[in-house]
Amino acid sequence: MQSVKMYTTAFCPYCIRAKQLLKARGVEGIEEIRIDQHPAERDQMMAATGRRTVPQIFIGSTHVGGCDDLVALDARGELLPLLQAA
């Protein structure tokens, strides 16, 4: 299973939804980077993604995008293969 890293904030409903979907697909551990607690991480997130909204989700080295992007990836049947890639 690929590692999952997610930039989040405390009360973001999209972050919560994305975490629920990932857990439903078998992800046991998510490296969560709270940009509300560590503002410097927002700059790093923006440099890596070109986006300023959360969540920003990485599966392995692949930037998936936000919650809507994750849901669309799952709907196309591409999320599980990405998670299971070696």
Foldseek 3Di string as FASTA:
>chain_A
DFAKEWEAADPDPQQVLQVVVVVVLPDDDYHYHYCVVVVVVQVVVCVLPVDRDDTFMDGHNRTQGTSVSQVVCVVVVNNNCSNPPD
